[in-house]
Structure formats: C-alpha cells, structure tokens
Amino acid sequence: MLSAGNGSDFHHRMSSSRWNTIYKMMHKRERLLFALAALMILAVLGSCTSWLGSATLRITYSLKNGIHHLENEIQSAEVDLGENSDWQEHRDNITGISRILFAFWVINPTTVDVTAQFYISTDETLTTAQQIENQATLILDGVSVPAQDSVYVAAQDSYQYFRNVDELADRLIDGRFHLYCISSAAPFEIEVPDSAAFLIEFTYAVDWEF
C-alpha cells in the first residue's frame, strides 16, 4: 500500500514527466518551423541570383575645338559622348543626370562689354545669331565679359549660369549635340577656346549578381 507521501511523490513525478513531454513536443515544433522558414529563405535566394541597384558614373568631356561668332562666321563645337568609353559602356542603362558643371574661358574681342550665351542644338548648320536664338536652346546665360578682355568660369561656379537644365540633361543622355556661343546683343561676337569641358555625373542601373 502506498503511503500518502509516496502518492504525492508519484503524482509529482507524473506531472513533471508530462510537462517534459509537452516541452519537448513544443521545442520540436519550434525547430520544425525554424527549419521550414530556413528552407523557404533558401528557396527564394536560390531563385533570385541578382539584385537591381543604382550606381554613379562621373565623366569629363573636353571640347575638341573652340567656339566663336566673329562677324558673319559661326563655329559650333560637336559634343559626342560616344567618344568616352565609360559613357559608351553604360549608355543603355543610364537613368538620369544628377550633376552638370561646365568650365570655360570666354574672350570678348569687341570694344563694348558683352554677356556670353551658350546654346545647344542637334542642327549643326545654324549660321546666324538670329537662327541660334530662334532655333537652339539656351543653356548658359549671364556671363559678363568686359570689352577686349576675357573671363574664366570655373566648374564649381558654372551652376549659376545654367538655363533649361532639363533640356541639356536630355541631350547629354542622348549623347550628341552641337554647342554654340554668341553674345546677348549686337555685334554678337565672342570666342570660347577649346579648353572648355563638361563635368557630368550620370546615374545608371546595375544588375548586381550574387
């Protein structure tokens, strides 16, 4: 016959055993759920071998020749970013332009103060200041140059002269256009040596593989 003390001890052992069994079952279930979650993550990663991201491309493009409007003679400069190997490599993935700067000298050969203006166009046949004003897009304005003097605009200072930046960005993404320069009033004469250069920061899509 079991004494009261022995019965209590027996029930205690039975209770502990029951809780241990329940605990082990719960623990086993947690491990199973964790394993299933891990398998799901591995399955997702296994089916996805790349990740679409974004990167930045910075290039400097120097004009190959100068620009001028002298009496009735106009010379534009062709901008062809296809000559830049980095731009050429990423051109199909370009998503936008985050920064544009322009460094240049401007020479005023006339006896009056002038204000230099830069225009862009896909038409390289513009031959008068009026055609440039009417048919091209103004992208830089307000550069004052004293009579028979010259002014240098550093890249970091050029932002204040930009106009119609969206149009300029579109042309840069296309990669090719012509750049003209005239003064804002008659006789329109102005010169830009071939030391001028664009500094451009593109953004482009990148397919990161892993």
Protein backbone atom coordinates (compact mmCIF):
# COMPACT_ATOMS: atom_id res chain seq x y z
CA MET A 1 0.00 0.00 0.00
CA LEU A 2 1.21 3.42 -0.91
CA SER A 3 1.55 5.93 1.80
CA ALA A 4 0.29 9.49 1.38
CA GLY A 5 3.85 10.69 0.99
CA ASN A 6 4.64 8.15 -1.71
CA GLY A 7 1.47 9.02 -3.61
CA SER A 8 2.33 12.69 -3.62
CA ASP A 9 5.78 11.92 -4.91
CA PHE A 10 4.32 9.69 -7.59
CA HIS A 11 1.92 12.41 -8.80
CA HIS A 12 4.79 14.90 -8.79
CA ARG A 13 6.88 12.62 -10.98
CA MET A 14 3.95 12.06 -13.33
CA SER A 15 3.33 15.81 -13.58
CA SER A 16 6.99 16.56 -14.27
CA SER A 17 7.13 13.84 -16.90
CA ARG A 18 4.01 15.22 -18.59
CA TRP A 19 5.45 18.76 -18.72
CA ASN A 20 8.76 17.44 -20.02
CA THR A 21 6.94 15.63 -22.79
CA ILE A 22 4.91 18.74 -23.66
CA TYR A 23 8.06 20.90 -23.57
CA LYS A 24 9.89 18.52 -25.87
CA MET A 25 6.95 18.48 -28.28
CA MET A 26 6.79 22.29 -28.32
CA HIS A 27 10.54 22.53 -28.74
CA LYS A 28 10.40 20.04 -31.59
CA ARG A 29 7.65 22.07 -33.24
CA GLU A 30 9.68 25.27 -32.97
CA ARG A 31 12.66 23.55 -34.54
CA LEU A 32 10.46 22.28 -37.34
CA LEU A 33 9.03 25.74 -38.00
CA PHE A 34 12.53 27.23 -38.00
CA ALA A 35 13.72 24.58 -40.46
CA LEU A 36 10.76 25.26 -42.76
CA ALA A 37 11.42 29.01 -42.63
CA ALA A 38 15.09 28.44 -43.46
CA LEU A 39 14.15 26.24 -46.41
CA MET A 40 11.78 28.92 -47.71
CA ILE A 41 14.52 31.58 -47.49
CA LEU A 42 16.97 29.32 -49.31
CA ALA A 43 14.38 28.64 -51.99
CA VAL A 44 13.83 32.36 -52.54
CA LEU A 45 17.55 33.07 -52.65
CA GLY A 46 18.10 30.14 -54.93
CA SER A 47 15.61 31.50 -57.47
CA CYS A 48 17.00 35.06 -57.27
CA THR A 49 20.59 35.41 -58.45
CA SER A 50 20.69 39.19 -59.00
CA TRP A 51 19.57 42.46 -57.46
CA LEU A 52 18.78 45.66 -59.34
CA GLY A 53 20.65 48.64 -57.93
CA SER A 54 21.99 52.05 -58.96
CA ALA A 55 25.49 53.42 -59.46
CA THR A 56 27.10 56.73 -60.41
CA LEU A 57 29.28 57.49 -63.42
CA ARG A 58 31.35 60.68 -63.48
CA ILE A 59 32.97 61.77 -66.73
CA THR A 60 34.82 64.81 -68.04
CA TYR A 61 34.23 65.70 -71.67
CA SER A 62 36.56 68.27 -73.27
CA LEU A 63 35.53 70.08 -76.44
CA LYS A 64 37.69 69.15 -79.40
CA ASN A 65 37.59 72.63 -80.88
CA GLY A 66 36.78 76.18 -79.89
CA ILE A 67 33.51 78.03 -80.49
CA HIS A 68 33.15 81.50 -81.93
CA HIS A 69 30.89 84.06 -83.53
CA LEU A 70 33.12 86.53 -85.37
CA GLU A 71 31.48 88.97 -87.76
CA ASN A 72 29.46 86.61 -90.01
CA GLU A 73 31.39 83.45 -89.19
CA ILE A 74 30.00 80.95 -86.70
CA GLN A 75 31.74 77.82 -85.47
CA SER A 76 29.99 75.39 -83.17
CA ALA A 77 31.54 72.53 -81.22
CA GLU A 78 30.22 68.99 -81.52
CA VAL A 79 29.63 67.15 -78.26
CA ASP A 80 29.77 63.39 -78.80
CA LEU A 81 29.84 61.42 -75.57
CA GLY A 82 30.20 58.24 -77.56
CA GLU A 83 33.90 59.08 -77.62
CA ASN A 84 34.03 58.40 -73.88
CA SER A 85 34.48 54.67 -73.22
CA ASP A 86 32.84 54.78 -69.76
CA TRP A 87 29.73 56.52 -71.10
CA GLN A 88 29.62 54.16 -74.06
CA GLU A 89 29.76 51.14 -71.74
CA HIS A 90 26.80 52.27 -69.60
CA ARG A 91 24.76 54.32 -72.09
CA ASP A 92 21.90 51.80 -72.34
CA ASN A 93 21.44 51.74 -68.55
CA ILE A 94 21.56 55.48 -67.84
CA THR A 95 18.58 56.55 -65.70
CA GLY A 96 19.33 60.26 -65.20
CA ILE A 97 21.84 63.01 -64.52
CA SER A 98 22.49 64.23 -61.00
CA ARG A 99 25.04 66.95 -61.74
CA ILE A 100 26.30 69.08 -64.65
CA LEU A 101 29.18 71.54 -64.50
CA PHE A 102 30.99 73.42 -67.25
CA ALA A 103 34.42 75.04 -67.16
CA PHE A 104 35.44 77.50 -69.88
CA TRP A 105 37.17 80.70 -70.96
CA VAL A 106 35.26 83.41 -72.82
CA ILE A 107 37.03 86.07 -74.87
CA ASN A 108 35.39 89.35 -75.85
CA PRO A 109 37.15 90.80 -78.93
CA THR A 110 34.83 93.81 -79.20
CA THR A 111 35.13 97.32 -77.78
CA VAL A 112 31.94 97.01 -75.68
CA ASP A 113 31.04 94.86 -72.67
CA VAL A 114 29.09 91.74 -73.62
CA THR A 115 27.17 88.91 -71.99
CA ALA A 116 28.01 85.44 -73.27
CA GLN A 117 25.26 82.95 -74.04
CA PHE A 118 25.58 79.24 -74.83
CA TYR A 119 23.04 77.32 -76.90
CA ILE A 120 22.62 73.67 -77.85
CA SER A 121 21.03 72.14 -80.93
CA THR A 122 21.06 68.92 -82.91
CA ASP A 123 21.34 71.15 -86.01
CA GLU A 124 24.94 71.95 -86.91
CA THR A 125 24.01 74.24 -89.83
CA LEU A 126 22.91 77.35 -87.92
CA THR A 127 24.78 80.29 -89.45
CA THR A 128 23.47 83.46 -87.81
CA ALA A 129 22.93 84.72 -84.29
CA GLN A 130 19.22 85.05 -85.04
CA GLN A 131 18.97 81.41 -86.13
CA ILE A 132 20.72 80.33 -82.96
CA GLU A 133 18.40 82.42 -80.76
CA ASN A 134 15.27 81.17 -82.56
CA GLN A 135 16.10 77.53 -83.22
CA ALA A 136 18.53 76.42 -80.50
CA THR A 137 18.04 76.05 -76.73
CA LEU A 138 19.71 78.48 -74.33
CA ILE A 139 21.64 76.58 -71.64
CA LEU A 140 24.03 79.20 -70.19
CA ASP A 141 23.44 82.92 -69.77
CA GLY A 142 24.67 85.90 -67.77
CA VAL A 143 28.46 85.55 -68.17
CA SER A 144 29.62 89.18 -68.31
CA VAL A 145 32.85 89.83 -70.21
CA PRO A 146 34.43 93.32 -70.30
CA ALA A 147 35.47 94.89 -73.62
CA GLN A 148 38.60 93.35 -75.13
CA ASP A 149 39.05 91.11 -72.14
CA SER A 150 38.47 87.50 -71.09
CA VAL A 151 36.73 85.72 -68.22
CA TYR A 152 37.26 82.23 -66.85
CA VAL A 153 34.30 80.40 -65.33
CA ALA A 154 35.38 77.55 -63.06
CA ALA A 155 33.30 74.38 -62.95
CA GLN A 156 32.15 74.95 -59.35
CA ASP A 157 30.84 78.42 -60.29
CA SER A 158 29.07 77.47 -63.51
CA TYR A 159 25.79 76.29 -61.92
CA GLN A 160 24.59 79.90 -61.51
CA TYR A 161 24.58 80.46 -65.27
CA PHE A 162 22.66 77.36 -66.33
CA ARG A 163 19.28 77.64 -68.02
CA ASN A 164 16.93 74.93 -69.35
CA VAL A 165 18.85 72.24 -67.48
CA ASP A 166 16.27 69.53 -68.23
CA GLU A 167 16.76 70.01 -71.96
CA LEU A 168 20.53 69.92 -71.54
CA ALA A 169 20.26 66.72 -69.47
CA ASP A 170 18.13 65.08 -72.18
CA ARG A 171 20.71 65.95 -74.84
CA LEU A 172 23.55 64.65 -72.68
CA ILE A 173 21.70 61.37 -72.14
CA ASP A 174 21.21 61.14 -75.91
CA GLY A 175 24.95 61.73 -76.13
CA ARG A 176 25.28 64.03 -79.12
CA PHE A 177 24.55 67.68 -79.97
CA HIS A 178 26.21 70.92 -81.08
CA LEU A 179 27.20 73.77 -78.77
CA TYR A 180 27.04 77.40 -79.92
CA CYS A 181 28.08 80.63 -78.22
CA ILE A 182 27.09 84.22 -79.03
CA SER A 183 26.83 87.43 -77.07
CA SER A 184 23.40 88.64 -75.99
CA ALA A 185 23.43 91.75 -78.21
CA ALA A 186 24.98 93.03 -81.44
CA PRO A 187 27.61 92.61 -82.72
CA PHE A 188 27.26 89.14 -81.07
CA GLU A 189 30.99 88.50 -81.35
CA ILE A 190 32.51 86.10 -78.83
CA GLU A 191 35.15 83.38 -78.62
CA VAL A 192 35.48 80.23 -76.50
CA PRO A 193 38.85 78.43 -76.71
CA ASP A 194 39.00 74.65 -76.98
CA SER A 195 39.89 74.28 -73.30
CA ALA A 196 36.18 74.13 -72.38
CA ALA A 197 34.95 70.96 -70.67
CA PHE A 198 31.76 69.44 -69.26
CA LEU A 199 31.84 67.55 -65.97
CA ILE A 200 28.84 65.24 -65.83
CA GLU A 201 27.53 62.85 -63.18
CA PHE A 202 25.20 60.16 -64.52
CA THR A 203 23.16 57.58 -62.62
CA TYR A 204 22.69 54.17 -64.18
CA ALA A 205 21.02 50.89 -63.31
CA VAL A 206 23.18 47.97 -62.20
CA ASP A 207 22.18 44.31 -62.04
CA TRP A 208 24.18 43.06 -59.05
CA GLU A 209 24.77 39.31 -59.27
CA PHE A 210 25.46 37.01 -56.31
